[in-house]
């Protein structure tokens, strides 16, 4: 199995605790509410939402995909770190075994946060992940991040 990793860093004016709570802890309720045209639901399939739990994201008909499942590997609420792995779903296609993610929020000097997201694409056999596939994944992650950021800016009491 070969692996390709990418890291992206985003800054925002929202404090790390609020971004982490909205984007990670409460994402099963918030993301379908903010993106109903793409995400039908996020369900907890196994566990209590902490490490070892499995979540399923169900997409709408507007998406190219039907669903994906993530296993939460680590959820550190004090240091605002989440590590999870996409373990199942048609988004993996025939080239990917899994995708490991790490999302970490650090405090920025202006009171906002710096979000560092790392994605490790674990391929089957000798497949290579195409640059276009990586770019598409980065764009989707950034779009969700920006939608949540906008919601929190417009609703300063939400997830405070």
N, C-alpha and C. Protein backbone atom coordinates (compact mmCIF):
# COMPACT_ATOMS: atom_id res chain seq x y z
N UNK A 1 0.85 -1.18 0.00
CA UNK A 1 0.00 0.00 0.00
C UNK A 1 0.89 1.24 0.00
N UNK A 2 0.64 2.15 -0.92
CA UNK A 2 1.36 3.41 -0.99
C UNK A 2 0.53 4.50 -0.32
N UNK A 3 1.18 5.58 0.08
CA UNK A 3 0.47 6.67 0.75
C UNK A 3 0.96 8.02 0.22
N UNK A 4 0.02 8.94 0.11
CA UNK A 4 0.32 10.31 -0.28
C UNK A 4 -0.30 11.21 0.77
N UNK A 5 0.49 12.16 1.32
CA UNK A 5 -0.02 13.07 2.35
C UNK A 5 0.00 14.50 1.86
N UNK A 6 -1.01 15.24 2.29
CA UNK A 6 -1.04 16.68 2.02
C UNK A 6 -1.45 17.39 3.31
N UNK A 7 -0.98 18.60 3.46
CA UNK A 7 -1.34 19.42 4.62
C UNK A 7 -1.77 20.78 4.11
N UNK A 8 -2.83 21.29 4.71
CA UNK A 8 -3.24 22.66 4.39
C UNK A 8 -3.50 23.39 5.70
N UNK A 9 -3.27 24.68 5.68
CA UNK A 9 -3.45 25.50 6.86
C UNK A 9 -4.38 26.66 6.53
N UNK A 10 -5.37 26.85 7.38
CA UNK A 10 -6.35 27.91 7.19
C UNK A 10 -6.40 28.76 8.45
N UNK A 11 -6.61 30.04 8.29
CA UNK A 11 -6.79 30.92 9.44
C UNK A 11 -8.21 31.46 9.42
N UNK A 12 -8.72 31.76 10.60
CA UNK A 12 -10.05 32.36 10.68
C UNK A 12 -10.15 33.18 11.96
N UNK A 13 -11.11 34.10 12.00
CA UNK A 13 -11.25 34.97 13.17
C UNK A 13 -11.99 34.34 14.35
N UNK A 14 -12.37 33.07 14.23
CA UNK A 14 -13.13 32.38 15.28
C UNK A 14 -12.14 31.67 16.21
N UNK A 15 -12.38 31.75 17.51
CA UNK A 15 -11.52 31.09 18.49
C UNK A 15 -11.51 29.57 18.27
N UNK A 16 -10.39 28.91 18.59
CA UNK A 16 -10.29 27.46 18.37
C UNK A 16 -11.39 26.63 19.03
N UNK A 17 -11.78 26.97 20.25
CA UNK A 17 -12.80 26.18 20.96
C UNK A 17 -14.13 26.19 20.20
N UNK A 18 -14.54 27.34 19.67
CA UNK A 18 -15.80 27.43 18.93
C UNK A 18 -15.73 26.69 17.60
N UNK A 19 -14.63 26.86 16.88
CA UNK A 19 -14.49 26.17 15.59
C UNK A 19 -14.47 24.66 15.80
N UNK A 20 -13.74 24.19 16.81
CA UNK A 20 -13.65 22.76 17.08
C UNK A 20 -15.01 22.20 17.46
N UNK A 21 -15.73 22.92 18.30
CA UNK A 21 -17.05 22.44 18.73
C UNK A 21 -18.01 22.36 17.54
N UNK A 22 -18.03 23.40 16.71
CA UNK A 22 -18.96 23.44 15.58
C UNK A 22 -18.56 22.48 14.47
N UNK A 23 -17.29 22.47 14.10
CA UNK A 23 -16.83 21.71 12.94
C UNK A 23 -16.57 20.24 13.26
N UNK A 24 -16.25 19.93 14.51
CA UNK A 24 -15.91 18.55 14.86
C UNK A 24 -16.95 17.93 15.80
N UNK A 25 -17.13 18.50 16.97
CA UNK A 25 -17.99 17.89 18.00
C UNK A 25 -19.46 17.87 17.58
N UNK A 26 -19.97 18.96 17.06
CA UNK A 26 -21.39 19.08 16.72
C UNK A 26 -21.66 18.99 15.22
N UNK A 27 -20.69 18.50 14.46
CA UNK A 27 -20.83 18.48 13.00
C UNK A 27 -22.01 17.64 12.52
N UNK A 28 -22.35 16.59 13.27
CA UNK A 28 -23.46 15.73 12.84
C UNK A 28 -24.79 16.49 12.77
N UNK A 29 -24.95 17.52 13.58
CA UNK A 29 -26.16 18.34 13.53
C UNK A 29 -25.99 19.57 12.64
N UNK A 30 -24.81 20.20 12.71
CA UNK A 30 -24.61 21.48 12.03
C UNK A 30 -24.40 21.35 10.52
N UNK A 31 -23.57 20.44 10.09
CA UNK A 31 -23.21 20.36 8.66
C UNK A 31 -24.43 20.07 7.77
N UNK A 32 -25.29 19.10 8.11
CA UNK A 32 -26.49 18.91 7.26
C UNK A 32 -27.40 20.14 7.25
N UNK A 33 -27.42 20.88 8.35
CA UNK A 33 -28.24 22.10 8.43
C UNK A 33 -27.68 23.18 7.51
N UNK A 34 -26.35 23.30 7.45
CA UNK A 34 -25.72 24.35 6.64
C UNK A 34 -25.57 23.96 5.17
N UNK A 35 -25.49 22.66 4.89
CA UNK A 35 -25.28 22.18 3.52
C UNK A 35 -26.32 21.12 3.13
N UNK A 36 -27.63 21.43 3.27
CA UNK A 36 -28.65 20.41 2.99
C UNK A 36 -28.71 19.99 1.53
N UNK A 37 -28.17 20.81 0.65
CA UNK A 37 -28.18 20.45 -0.76
C UNK A 37 -27.19 19.33 -1.08
N UNK A 38 -26.22 19.08 -0.18
CA UNK A 38 -25.20 18.06 -0.42
C UNK A 38 -25.20 16.94 0.62
N UNK A 39 -25.49 17.28 1.87
CA UNK A 39 -25.41 16.30 2.95
C UNK A 39 -26.78 16.08 3.56
N UNK A 40 -27.26 14.86 3.41
CA UNK A 40 -28.58 14.49 3.91
C UNK A 40 -28.56 14.34 5.43
N UNK A 41 -27.56 13.60 5.95
CA UNK A 41 -27.47 13.38 7.39
C UNK A 41 -26.08 12.87 7.76
N UNK A 42 -25.77 13.00 9.06
CA UNK A 42 -24.57 12.41 9.64
C UNK A 42 -25.06 11.61 10.84
N UNK A 43 -24.83 10.31 10.80
CA UNK A 43 -25.36 9.42 11.83
C UNK A 43 -24.22 8.73 12.58
N UNK A 44 -24.42 8.55 13.86
CA UNK A 44 -23.50 7.78 14.67
C UNK A 44 -23.90 6.31 14.55
N UNK A 45 -23.06 5.50 13.91
CA UNK A 45 -23.36 4.11 13.64
C UNK A 45 -22.93 3.22 14.81
N UNK A 46 -21.83 3.61 15.44
CA UNK A 46 -21.27 2.80 16.53
C UNK A 46 -20.55 3.72 17.51
N UNK A 47 -20.70 3.45 18.79
CA UNK A 47 -19.98 4.20 19.81
C UNK A 47 -20.75 5.40 20.34
N UNK A 48 -20.04 6.22 21.10
CA UNK A 48 -20.64 7.38 21.77
C UNK A 48 -20.18 8.72 21.20
N UNK A 49 -19.48 8.69 20.07
CA UNK A 49 -18.97 9.92 19.46
C UNK A 49 -17.50 10.16 19.74
N UNK A 50 -16.93 9.40 20.67
CA UNK A 50 -15.52 9.53 21.00
C UNK A 50 -14.67 8.56 20.20
N UNK A 51 -13.43 8.38 20.65
CA UNK A 51 -12.51 7.48 19.96
C UNK A 51 -13.12 6.08 19.83
N UNK A 52 -12.97 5.51 18.64
CA UNK A 52 -13.52 4.19 18.34
C UNK A 52 -14.90 4.24 17.72
N UNK A 53 -15.55 5.39 17.78
CA UNK A 53 -16.89 5.52 17.19
C UNK A 53 -16.81 5.55 15.67
N UNK A 54 -17.93 5.19 15.05
CA UNK A 54 -18.03 5.24 13.59
C UNK A 54 -19.22 6.10 13.22
N UNK A 55 -18.97 7.08 12.35
CA UNK A 55 -20.01 7.98 11.84
C UNK A 55 -20.22 7.69 10.36
N UNK A 56 -21.46 7.83 9.92
CA UNK A 56 -21.77 7.70 8.50
C UNK A 56 -22.33 9.01 8.00
N UNK A 57 -21.75 9.53 6.92
CA UNK A 57 -22.23 10.73 6.25
C UNK A 57 -23.01 10.28 5.04
N UNK A 58 -24.29 10.65 4.98
CA UNK A 58 -25.16 10.30 3.85
C UNK A 58 -25.34 11.54 2.97
N UNK A 59 -25.04 11.38 1.71
CA UNK A 59 -25.11 12.50 0.77
C UNK A 59 -26.45 12.52 0.04
N UNK A 60 -26.80 13.68 -0.46
CA UNK A 60 -28.03 13.82 -1.25
C UNK A 60 -27.79 13.33 -2.67
N UNK A 61 -28.85 13.30 -3.45
CA UNK A 61 -28.76 12.88 -4.84
C UNK A 61 -27.90 13.83 -5.67
N UNK A 62 -27.68 15.05 -5.19
CA UNK A 62 -26.87 16.03 -5.91
C UNK A 62 -25.38 15.66 -5.88
N UNK A 63 -24.99 14.78 -4.99
CA UNK A 63 -23.60 14.38 -4.84
C UNK A 63 -23.27 13.21 -5.77
N UNK A 64 -22.00 13.08 -6.07
CA UNK A 64 -21.53 11.93 -6.85
C UNK A 64 -21.46 10.68 -5.98
N UNK A 65 -21.52 10.86 -4.66
CA UNK A 65 -21.36 9.76 -3.73
C UNK A 65 -22.63 9.52 -2.94
N UNK A 66 -22.77 8.29 -2.45
CA UNK A 66 -23.92 7.92 -1.65
C UNK A 66 -23.67 8.12 -0.16
N UNK A 67 -22.52 7.60 0.32
CA UNK A 67 -22.18 7.72 1.74
C UNK A 67 -20.69 7.47 1.95
N UNK A 68 -20.20 7.87 3.12
CA UNK A 68 -18.87 7.49 3.60
C UNK A 68 -18.97 7.20 5.09
N UNK A 69 -18.07 6.36 5.58
CA UNK A 69 -17.99 6.09 7.01
C UNK A 69 -16.62 6.48 7.52
N UNK A 70 -16.63 7.16 8.68
CA UNK A 70 -15.40 7.58 9.35
C UNK A 70 -15.29 6.88 10.70
N UNK A 71 -14.09 6.42 11.03
CA UNK A 71 -13.81 5.91 12.37
C UNK A 71 -13.01 7.00 13.10
N UNK A 72 -13.49 7.40 14.25
CA UNK A 72 -12.80 8.41 15.04
C UNK A 72 -11.69 7.71 15.81
N UNK A 73 -10.46 8.12 15.55
CA UNK A 73 -9.29 7.51 16.19
C UNK A 73 -8.90 8.23 17.47
N UNK A 74 -9.05 9.54 17.47
CA UNK A 74 -8.71 10.35 18.65
C UNK A 74 -9.55 11.62 18.63
N UNK A 75 -10.05 11.98 19.79
CA UNK A 75 -10.82 13.21 19.94
C UNK A 75 -10.33 13.90 21.20
N UNK A 76 -9.44 14.87 21.04
CA UNK A 76 -8.82 15.58 22.16
C UNK A 76 -9.48 16.96 22.27
N UNK A 77 -10.47 17.04 23.14
CA UNK A 77 -11.26 18.27 23.29
C UNK A 77 -10.49 19.39 23.97
N UNK A 78 -9.46 19.07 24.73
CA UNK A 78 -8.68 20.12 25.40
C UNK A 78 -7.66 20.77 24.47
N UNK A 79 -7.11 19.99 23.55
CA UNK A 79 -6.10 20.51 22.63
C UNK A 79 -6.65 20.72 21.23
N UNK A 80 -7.96 20.53 21.07
CA UNK A 80 -8.67 20.78 19.80
C UNK A 80 -8.06 20.00 18.63
N UNK A 81 -7.91 18.68 18.84
CA UNK A 81 -7.35 17.79 17.82
C UNK A 81 -8.32 16.64 17.59
N UNK A 82 -8.53 16.32 16.33
CA UNK A 82 -9.33 15.16 15.96
C UNK A 82 -8.59 14.39 14.88
N UNK A 83 -8.46 13.09 15.10
CA UNK A 83 -7.88 12.20 14.10
C UNK A 83 -8.96 11.17 13.75
N UNK A 84 -9.22 11.02 12.47
CA UNK A 84 -10.22 10.05 12.04
C UNK A 84 -9.83 9.47 10.69
N UNK A 85 -10.46 8.35 10.34
CA UNK A 85 -10.13 7.65 9.10
C UNK A 85 -11.40 7.35 8.33
N UNK A 86 -11.39 7.69 7.03
CA UNK A 86 -12.47 7.28 6.15
C UNK A 86 -12.21 5.81 5.84
N UNK A 87 -13.12 4.95 6.29
CA UNK A 87 -12.90 3.51 6.19
C UNK A 87 -13.81 2.81 5.18
N UNK A 88 -14.84 3.50 4.73
CA UNK A 88 -15.81 2.85 3.84
C UNK A 88 -16.57 3.90 3.06
N UNK A 89 -17.04 3.51 1.89
CA UNK A 89 -17.89 4.39 1.09
C UNK A 89 -17.40 4.51 -0.33
N UNK A 90 -18.31 4.92 -1.19
CA UNK A 90 -17.97 5.00 -2.60
C UNK A 90 -16.99 6.12 -2.93
N UNK A 91 -16.76 7.05 -2.03
CA UNK A 91 -15.77 8.11 -2.25
C UNK A 91 -14.36 7.54 -2.30
N UNK A 92 -14.15 6.36 -1.72
CA UNK A 92 -12.83 5.74 -1.76
C UNK A 92 -12.52 5.17 -3.15
N UNK A 93 -13.56 4.87 -3.91
CA UNK A 93 -13.36 4.35 -5.26
C UNK A 93 -12.60 3.04 -5.27
N UNK A 94 -11.96 2.75 -6.39
CA UNK A 94 -11.22 1.50 -6.50
C UNK A 94 -9.73 1.66 -6.24
N UNK A 95 -9.27 2.88 -5.99
CA UNK A 95 -7.84 3.13 -5.77
C UNK A 95 -7.47 3.26 -4.29
N UNK A 96 -8.42 3.69 -3.46
CA UNK A 96 -8.08 4.01 -2.07
C UNK A 96 -8.53 2.94 -1.09
N UNK A 97 -7.65 2.60 -0.18
CA UNK A 97 -7.96 1.69 0.92
C UNK A 97 -8.65 2.48 2.04
N UNK A 98 -8.10 3.68 2.32
CA UNK A 98 -8.64 4.55 3.37
C UNK A 98 -7.99 5.92 3.24
N UNK A 99 -8.53 6.89 3.99
CA UNK A 99 -7.92 8.21 4.08
C UNK A 99 -7.87 8.57 5.56
N UNK A 100 -6.66 8.88 6.04
CA UNK A 100 -6.47 9.31 7.42
C UNK A 100 -6.46 10.83 7.46
N UNK A 101 -7.19 11.39 8.44
CA UNK A 101 -7.26 12.84 8.59
C UNK A 101 -6.82 13.24 9.99
N UNK A 102 -6.16 14.39 10.06
CA UNK A 102 -5.89 15.02 11.35
C UNK A 102 -6.28 16.49 11.21
N UNK A 103 -7.12 16.94 12.13
CA UNK A 103 -7.56 18.34 12.15
C UNK A 103 -7.16 18.90 13.51
N UNK A 104 -6.42 20.02 13.49
CA UNK A 104 -5.94 20.62 14.73
C UNK A 104 -6.16 22.13 14.67
N UNK A 105 -6.73 22.67 15.73
CA UNK A 105 -6.95 24.11 15.84
C UNK A 105 -6.02 24.69 16.89
N UNK A 106 -5.26 25.70 16.52
CA UNK A 106 -4.39 26.43 17.45
C UNK A 106 -4.86 27.87 17.54
N UNK A 107 -4.59 28.49 18.66
CA UNK A 107 -4.94 29.90 18.85
C UNK A 107 -4.02 30.77 18.00
N UNK A 108 -4.61 31.76 17.36
CA UNK A 108 -3.85 32.76 16.61
C UNK A 108 -3.67 33.98 17.51
N UNK A 109 -2.69 34.81 17.22
CA UNK A 109 -2.39 35.97 18.06
C UNK A 109 -3.52 37.00 18.06
N UNK A 110 -4.39 36.97 17.05
CA UNK A 110 -5.49 37.93 16.97
C UNK A 110 -6.77 37.45 17.65
N UNK A 111 -6.71 36.31 18.34
CA UNK A 111 -7.89 35.76 19.01
C UNK A 111 -8.63 34.74 18.17
N UNK A 112 -8.26 34.62 16.93
CA UNK A 112 -8.87 33.64 16.04
C UNK A 112 -8.14 32.31 16.15
N UNK A 113 -8.16 31.57 15.05
CA UNK A 113 -7.50 30.27 15.09
C UNK A 113 -6.79 29.96 13.78
N UNK A 114 -5.86 29.04 13.90
CA UNK A 114 -5.17 28.47 12.75
C UNK A 114 -5.55 27.00 12.73
N UNK A 115 -6.10 26.56 11.63
CA UNK A 115 -6.51 25.17 11.49
C UNK A 115 -5.54 24.48 10.54
N UNK A 116 -4.93 23.42 11.04
CA UNK A 116 -4.02 22.62 10.22
C UNK A 116 -4.71 21.28 9.95
N UNK A 117 -4.90 20.99 8.66
CA UNK A 117 -5.55 19.75 8.26
C UNK A 117 -4.58 18.92 7.42
N UNK A 118 -4.37 17.68 7.86
CA UNK A 118 -3.51 16.76 7.12
C UNK A 118 -4.35 15.58 6.65
N UNK A 119 -4.18 15.22 5.40
CA UNK A 119 -4.88 14.08 4.82
C UNK A 119 -3.84 13.12 4.26
N UNK A 120 -3.97 11.86 4.63
CA UNK A 120 -3.06 10.82 4.14
C UNK A 120 -3.90 9.81 3.35
N UNK A 121 -3.65 9.77 2.04
CA UNK A 121 -4.38 8.89 1.13
C UNK A 121 -3.65 7.55 1.05
N UNK A 122 -4.27 6.50 1.57
CA UNK A 122 -3.69 5.16 1.57
C UNK A 122 -4.27 4.40 0.39
N UNK A 123 -3.44 4.15 -0.62
CA UNK A 123 -3.92 3.54 -1.85
C UNK A 123 -3.80 2.02 -1.81
N UNK A 124 -4.62 1.39 -2.63
CA UNK A 124 -4.53 -0.04 -2.84
C UNK A 124 -3.39 -0.32 -3.81
N UNK A 125 -2.66 -1.36 -3.55
CA UNK A 125 -1.59 -1.82 -4.44
C UNK A 125 -0.68 -0.66 -4.83
N UNK A 126 -0.40 -0.51 -6.10
CA UNK A 126 0.56 0.50 -6.56
C UNK A 126 -0.12 1.72 -7.18
N UNK A 127 -1.38 1.94 -6.86
CA UNK A 127 -2.08 3.10 -7.42
C UNK A 127 -1.47 4.40 -6.91
N UNK A 128 -1.52 5.41 -7.71
CA UNK A 128 -1.11 6.76 -7.32
C UNK A 128 -2.36 7.63 -7.27
N UNK A 129 -2.45 8.49 -6.29
CA UNK A 129 -3.56 9.44 -6.22
C UNK A 129 -3.24 10.59 -7.16
N UNK A 130 -4.19 10.91 -8.00
CA UNK A 130 -4.00 11.98 -8.98
C UNK A 130 -4.10 13.35 -8.31
N UNK A 131 -3.34 14.30 -8.81
CA UNK A 131 -3.34 15.66 -8.27
C UNK A 131 -4.74 16.27 -8.30
N UNK A 132 -5.52 15.97 -9.33
CA UNK A 132 -6.88 16.50 -9.45
C UNK A 132 -7.77 15.98 -8.33
N UNK A 133 -7.58 14.71 -7.94
CA UNK A 133 -8.37 14.12 -6.85
C UNK A 133 -8.03 14.79 -5.52
N UNK A 134 -6.76 15.04 -5.31
CA UNK A 134 -6.32 15.72 -4.08
C UNK A 134 -6.87 17.15 -4.06
N UNK A 135 -6.78 17.82 -5.18
CA UNK A 135 -7.28 19.20 -5.27
C UNK A 135 -8.78 19.25 -4.98
N UNK A 136 -9.54 18.30 -5.51
CA UNK A 136 -10.99 18.27 -5.29
C UNK A 136 -11.29 18.06 -3.81
N UNK A 137 -10.56 17.17 -3.16
CA UNK A 137 -10.74 16.93 -1.72
C UNK A 137 -10.43 18.16 -0.89
N UNK A 138 -9.34 18.85 -1.24
CA UNK A 138 -8.96 20.07 -0.52
C UNK A 138 -10.02 21.15 -0.67
N UNK A 139 -10.55 21.28 -1.87
CA UNK A 139 -11.57 22.30 -2.13
C UNK A 139 -12.84 22.03 -1.34
N UNK A 140 -13.25 20.77 -1.26
CA UNK A 140 -14.44 20.41 -0.48
C UNK A 140 -14.24 20.70 1.00
N UNK A 141 -13.08 20.34 1.52
CA UNK A 141 -12.78 20.59 2.94
C UNK A 141 -12.77 22.09 3.22
N UNK A 142 -12.16 22.87 2.33
CA UNK A 142 -12.11 24.32 2.52
C UNK A 142 -13.50 24.94 2.43
N UNK A 143 -14.34 24.43 1.54
CA UNK A 143 -15.70 24.96 1.41
C UNK A 143 -16.51 24.72 2.67
N UNK A 144 -16.42 23.52 3.24
CA UNK A 144 -17.14 23.24 4.49
C UNK A 144 -16.62 24.12 5.61
N UNK A 145 -15.31 24.26 5.71
CA UNK A 145 -14.69 25.12 6.72
C UNK A 145 -15.23 26.54 6.62
N UNK A 146 -15.27 27.08 5.41
CA UNK A 146 -15.71 28.47 5.20
C UNK A 146 -17.20 28.65 5.50
N UNK A 147 -18.01 27.64 5.19
CA UNK A 147 -19.45 27.72 5.50
C UNK A 147 -19.65 27.77 7.01
N UNK A 148 -18.93 26.93 7.74
CA UNK A 148 -19.03 26.93 9.21
C UNK A 148 -18.51 28.25 9.78
N UNK A 149 -17.40 28.72 9.26
CA UNK A 149 -16.84 30.00 9.71
C UNK A 149 -17.86 31.13 9.51
N UNK A 150 -18.48 31.19 8.35
CA UNK A 150 -19.48 32.23 8.06
C UNK A 150 -20.67 32.13 9.01
N UNK A 151 -21.13 30.91 9.25
CA UNK A 151 -22.24 30.71 10.18
C UNK A 151 -21.89 31.23 11.57
N UNK A 152 -20.70 30.92 12.05
CA UNK A 152 -20.29 31.36 13.39
C UNK A 152 -20.12 32.88 13.45
N UNK A 153 -19.64 33.49 12.39
CA UNK A 153 -19.53 34.96 12.36
C UNK A 153 -20.90 35.61 12.39
N UNK A 154 -21.85 35.03 11.68
CA UNK A 154 -23.22 35.57 11.64
C UNK A 154 -24.01 35.27 12.90
N UNK A 155 -23.59 34.26 13.66
CA UNK A 155 -24.28 33.83 14.88
C UNK A 155 -23.29 33.77 16.03
N UNK A 156 -22.91 34.93 16.59
CA UNK A 156 -21.85 34.97 17.59
C UNK A 156 -22.14 34.19 18.87
N UNK A 157 -23.40 33.88 19.15
CA UNK A 157 -23.71 33.12 20.36
C UNK A 157 -23.68 31.60 20.13
N UNK A 158 -23.66 31.19 18.87
CA UNK A 158 -23.69 29.76 18.57
C UNK A 158 -22.36 29.11 18.96
N UNK A 159 -22.45 28.01 19.67
CA UNK A 159 -21.29 27.21 20.09
C UNK A 159 -20.29 28.01 20.91
N UNK A 160 -20.78 29.01 21.62
CA UNK A 160 -19.90 29.85 22.47
C UNK A 160 -19.58 29.14 23.77
